[in-house]
Protein backbone atom coordinates (compact mmCIF):
# COMPACT_ATOMS: atom_id res chain seq x y z
CA UNK A 1 -73.87 -66.22 52.52
CA UNK A 2 -72.04 -69.27 53.82
CA UNK A 3 -68.29 -68.94 54.13
CA UNK A 4 -66.08 -71.39 52.33
CA UNK A 5 -64.31 -73.64 54.74
CA UNK A 6 -60.72 -74.39 53.81
CA UNK A 7 -60.07 -78.09 53.87
CA UNK A 8 -57.01 -79.16 55.82
CA UNK A 9 -55.06 -82.00 54.28
CA UNK A 10 -54.49 -84.88 56.63
CA UNK A 11 -52.65 -88.16 56.33
CA UNK A 12 -49.55 -88.82 54.31
CA UNK A 13 -48.39 -86.40 51.59
CA UNK A 14 -48.60 -87.42 47.91
CA UNK A 15 -45.78 -89.69 46.70
CA UNK A 16 -44.00 -87.01 44.65
CA UNK A 17 -43.91 -84.69 47.67
CA UNK A 18 -42.80 -87.53 49.95
CA UNK A 19 -40.02 -88.48 47.54
CA UNK A 20 -38.88 -84.86 47.41
CA UNK A 21 -38.74 -84.69 51.22
CA UNK A 22 -36.76 -87.95 51.36
CA UNK A 23 -34.25 -86.71 48.77
CA UNK A 24 -33.82 -83.45 50.69
CA UNK A 25 -33.16 -85.40 53.90
CA UNK A 26 -30.66 -87.68 52.13
CA UNK A 27 -28.85 -84.82 50.42
CA UNK A 28 -28.57 -82.93 53.71
CA UNK A 29 -27.40 -86.03 55.58
CA UNK A 30 -24.84 -86.74 52.86
CA UNK A 31 -23.27 -83.33 53.37
CA UNK A 32 -23.20 -83.66 57.16
CA UNK A 33 -21.88 -87.23 57.18
CA UNK A 34 -19.17 -86.32 54.68
CA UNK A 35 -17.93 -83.25 56.58
CA UNK A 36 -18.47 -84.42 60.17
CA UNK A 37 -18.45 -88.22 60.04
CA UNK A 38 -21.07 -90.67 61.27
CA UNK A 39 -20.48 -90.39 65.01
CA UNK A 40 -20.50 -86.58 65.10
CA UNK A 41 -23.74 -86.28 63.09
CA UNK A 42 -27.07 -86.66 64.87
CA UNK A 43 -30.60 -87.05 63.58
CA UNK A 44 -31.38 -83.75 65.31
CA UNK A 45 -28.70 -81.99 63.23
CA UNK A 46 -30.03 -83.49 60.00
CA UNK A 47 -33.59 -82.45 60.90
CA UNK A 48 -32.53 -78.90 61.74
CA UNK A 49 -30.38 -78.52 58.62
CA UNK A 50 -33.08 -79.70 56.20
CA UNK A 51 -36.02 -78.07 58.01
CA UNK A 52 -37.81 -81.33 58.86
CA UNK A 53 -38.91 -82.74 62.17
CA UNK A 54 -37.23 -85.77 63.74
CA UNK A 55 -40.46 -87.71 63.40
CA UNK A 56 -40.41 -87.04 59.63
CA UNK A 57 -36.97 -88.62 59.40
CA UNK A 58 -37.80 -91.58 61.63
CA UNK A 59 -40.90 -92.32 59.55
CA UNK A 60 -38.59 -92.93 56.61
CA UNK A 61 -35.45 -94.30 58.28
CA UNK A 62 -35.49 -96.61 61.29
CA UNK A 63 -32.18 -95.42 62.74
CA UNK A 64 -29.11 -93.32 62.02
CA UNK A 65 -27.40 -96.42 60.60
CA UNK A 66 -30.36 -96.99 58.27
CA UNK A 67 -30.17 -93.34 57.20
CA UNK A 68 -26.42 -93.71 56.55
CA UNK A 69 -26.94 -96.77 54.32
CA UNK A 70 -29.72 -94.96 52.47
CA UNK A 71 -27.34 -92.03 51.95
CA UNK A 72 -24.89 -94.46 50.32
CA UNK A 73 -27.57 -95.63 47.89
CA UNK A 74 -28.53 -92.01 47.23
CA UNK A 75 -24.93 -91.14 46.36
CA UNK A 76 -24.73 -94.16 44.03
CA UNK A 77 -27.79 -92.87 42.18
CA UNK A 78 -26.24 -89.41 41.88
CA UNK A 79 -23.02 -90.96 40.59
CA UNK A 80 -24.93 -93.01 38.01
CA UNK A 81 -26.92 -89.96 36.89
CA UNK A 82 -23.67 -88.11 36.24
CA UNK A 83 -22.36 -91.07 34.27
CA UNK A 84 -25.32 -91.39 31.92
CA UNK A 85 -26.16 -87.68 31.64
CA UNK A 86 -23.67 -87.24 28.80
CA UNK A 87 -24.69 -89.28 25.79
CA UNK A 88 -22.06 -91.50 24.19
CA UNK A 89 -22.54 -91.01 20.46
CA UNK A 90 -19.99 -93.56 19.37
CA UNK A 91 -20.57 -95.89 16.43
CA UNK A 92 -19.26 -99.08 17.99
CA UNK A 93 -20.20 -100.61 21.38
CA UNK A 94 -16.50 -100.85 22.25
CA UNK A 95 -15.97 -97.12 21.68
CA UNK A 96 -19.03 -96.39 23.82
CA UNK A 97 -17.61 -98.62 26.56
CA UNK A 98 -14.27 -96.84 26.36
CA UNK A 99 -15.84 -93.39 26.62
CA UNK A 100 -17.97 -94.47 29.59
CA UNK A 101 -14.90 -95.83 31.40
CA UNK A 102 -13.06 -92.58 30.72
CA UNK A 103 -15.91 -90.63 32.34
CA UNK A 104 -16.00 -93.05 35.26
CA UNK A 105 -12.33 -92.32 35.93
CA UNK A 106 -13.01 -88.57 35.90
CA UNK A 107 -15.89 -88.99 38.35
CA UNK A 108 -14.19 -91.41 40.73
CA UNK A 109 -11.28 -89.06 41.48
CA UNK A 110 -13.46 -85.96 41.95
CA UNK A 111 -13.33 -84.31 45.37
CA UNK A 112 -16.97 -85.16 46.15
CA UNK A 113 -16.54 -88.88 45.51
CA UNK A 114 -13.15 -89.12 47.22
CA UNK A 115 -14.48 -87.38 50.34
CA UNK A 116 -17.48 -89.72 50.32
CA UNK A 117 -15.28 -92.83 50.11
CA UNK A 118 -13.02 -91.59 52.90
CA UNK A 119 -16.04 -91.08 55.11
CA UNK A 120 -17.66 -94.46 54.35
CA UNK A 121 -14.41 -96.41 54.76
CA UNK A 122 -13.82 -94.80 58.15
CA UNK A 123 -17.25 -95.97 59.33
CA UNK A 124 -17.05 -99.56 57.97
CA UNK A 125 -16.03 -100.86 61.40
CA UNK A 126 -19.24 -99.53 62.96
CA UNK A 127 -21.60 -100.47 60.11
CA UNK A 128 -20.54 -103.84 58.59
CA UNK A 129 -22.90 -103.52 55.61
CA UNK A 130 -20.84 -100.62 54.25
CA UNK A 131 -18.08 -102.84 52.85
CA UNK A 132 -20.46 -104.94 50.77
CA UNK A 133 -22.30 -101.84 49.54
CA UNK A 134 -19.11 -100.18 48.32
CA UNK A 135 -18.22 -103.14 46.07
CA UNK A 136 -21.63 -104.16 44.78
CA UNK A 137 -22.18 -105.87 41.43
CA UNK A 138 -25.79 -104.70 41.54
CA UNK A 139 -24.88 -101.00 41.59
CA UNK A 140 -26.26 -98.96 38.67
CA UNK A 141 -22.77 -98.01 37.47
CA UNK A 142 -21.56 -101.62 37.42
CA UNK A 143 -24.68 -102.75 35.54
CA UNK A 144 -24.25 -99.93 33.03
CA UNK A 145 -20.67 -100.97 32.21
CA UNK A 146 -21.75 -104.63 32.19
CA UNK A 147 -24.42 -103.90 29.55
CA UNK A 148 -21.88 -102.07 27.40
CA UNK A 149 -19.38 -104.93 27.75
CA UNK A 150 -22.02 -107.47 26.69
CA UNK A 151 -22.88 -105.32 23.66
CA UNK A 152 -19.20 -105.21 22.71
CA UNK A 153 -19.02 -108.99 23.04
CA UNK A 154 -22.04 -109.42 20.79
CA UNK A 155 -20.37 -107.24 18.16
CA UNK A 156 -17.24 -109.47 18.41
CA UNK A 157 -15.15 -106.54 19.67
CA UNK A 158 -14.46 -108.32 22.97
CA UNK A 159 -13.79 -111.99 23.63
CA UNK A 160 -16.82 -113.99 24.87
CA UNK A 161 -15.59 -114.58 28.43
CA UNK A 162 -17.69 -114.24 31.59
CA UNK A 163 -19.03 -110.65 31.22
CA UNK A 164 -19.32 -110.05 34.98
CA UNK A 165 -15.72 -111.08 35.54
CA UNK A 166 -14.67 -108.97 32.57
CA UNK A 167 -16.52 -105.93 33.92
CA UNK A 168 -15.14 -106.36 37.43
CA UNK A 169 -11.55 -106.50 36.14
CA UNK A 170 -12.10 -103.54 33.81
CA UNK A 171 -13.49 -101.38 36.63
CA UNK A 172 -10.68 -102.41 38.95
CA UNK A 173 -8.10 -101.15 36.45
CA UNK A 174 -10.02 -98.06 35.36
CA UNK A 175 -11.34 -96.86 38.72
CA UNK A 176 -10.24 -99.11 41.60
CA UNK A 177 -6.51 -98.46 41.37
CA UNK A 178 -6.82 -94.69 40.73
CA UNK A 179 -9.26 -94.28 43.63
CA UNK A 180 -6.97 -96.19 46.00
CA UNK A 181 -4.02 -94.02 44.97
CA UNK A 182 -5.97 -90.80 45.54
CA UNK A 183 -7.21 -92.03 48.93
CA UNK A 184 -3.60 -92.75 49.91
CA UNK A 185 -2.58 -89.20 49.01
CA UNK A 186 -1.06 -89.78 45.57
CA UNK A 187 -1.50 -86.55 43.63
CA UNK A 188 -0.76 -88.06 40.20
CA UNK A 189 -4.44 -88.50 39.36
CA UNK A 190 -5.18 -84.87 40.24
CA UNK A 191 -3.62 -83.93 36.89
CA UNK A 192 -5.97 -84.24 33.93
CA UNK A 193 -3.12 -84.95 31.50
CA UNK A 194 -1.70 -87.68 33.73
CA UNK A 195 -5.17 -89.23 34.12
CA UNK A 196 -5.50 -89.27 30.35
CA UNK A 197 -2.11 -90.97 29.89
CA UNK A 198 -2.94 -93.55 32.55
CA UNK A 199 -6.32 -94.23 30.98
CA UNK A 200 -4.89 -94.89 27.51
CA UNK A 201 -2.24 -97.24 28.90
CA UNK A 202 -4.80 -99.11 31.01
CA UNK A 203 -7.28 -99.34 28.14
CA UNK A 204 -4.65 -100.67 25.73
CA UNK A 205 -3.65 -103.29 28.28
CA UNK A 206 -7.30 -104.31 28.68
CA UNK A 207 -7.78 -104.59 24.92
CA UNK A 208 -4.66 -106.74 24.53
CA UNK A 209 -6.07 -109.16 27.07
CA UNK A 210 -9.78 -109.10 26.19
CA UNK A 211 -10.01 -107.69 22.69
CA UNK A 212 -11.92 -109.76 20.15
CA UNK A 213 -9.76 -112.25 18.31
CA UNK A 214 -9.39 -111.57 14.60
CA UNK A 215 -8.94 -114.51 12.34
CA UNK A 216 -5.59 -114.40 10.65
CA UNK A 217 -4.97 -115.90 7.26
CA UNK A 218 -2.46 -118.68 7.56
CA UNK A 219 -0.31 -119.23 4.52
CA UNK A 220 -0.06 -122.90 3.70
CA UNK A 221 3.44 -124.23 3.63
CA UNK A 222 4.43 -126.39 0.69
CA UNK A 223 5.82 -129.74 1.56
């Protein structure tokens, strides 16, 4: 009776397996880059930590700099997933926008994100593309808030000004300033109650400047 010969798979792995390997490499590299920095982390360390060979990494990423930039995109995707994971069941687009901005503030001052920003800012001198990637209007989070702002404009809850400019200014107030303060060592935003108070003040200021104009009845004066 002839024995069955086990077939050995050759060539590239299926896409779902390949994607899983890439994500494992990126997640491992993210942890090493964040704790050790770019210069102190080698491709060999990443390969050893995630159980892959160097050739497996180099097939996917041309260099350590390319891996670093891919790690940035990977972290953006993780950040976006956290943002949209919790459904916003608000009746009005403006309330949905407000709740999303509140969650963005909570995420942006978390230890994981703050450590990531510290690491990327420190390496901007060595990898010029980092600066543009950190403030990107094509990032998933920016586009998410942009869509919500446009919806609020369509419902007349926000004034019909340039939605990209509106979104950029909103995010600067809601996340840019708090993140800068945390990076500089300000502990105010470590307190949940203080974050909440700041958020309400910032949101009210935003609404006063960009809130939809309501037509007021003007009483005619008799001459």
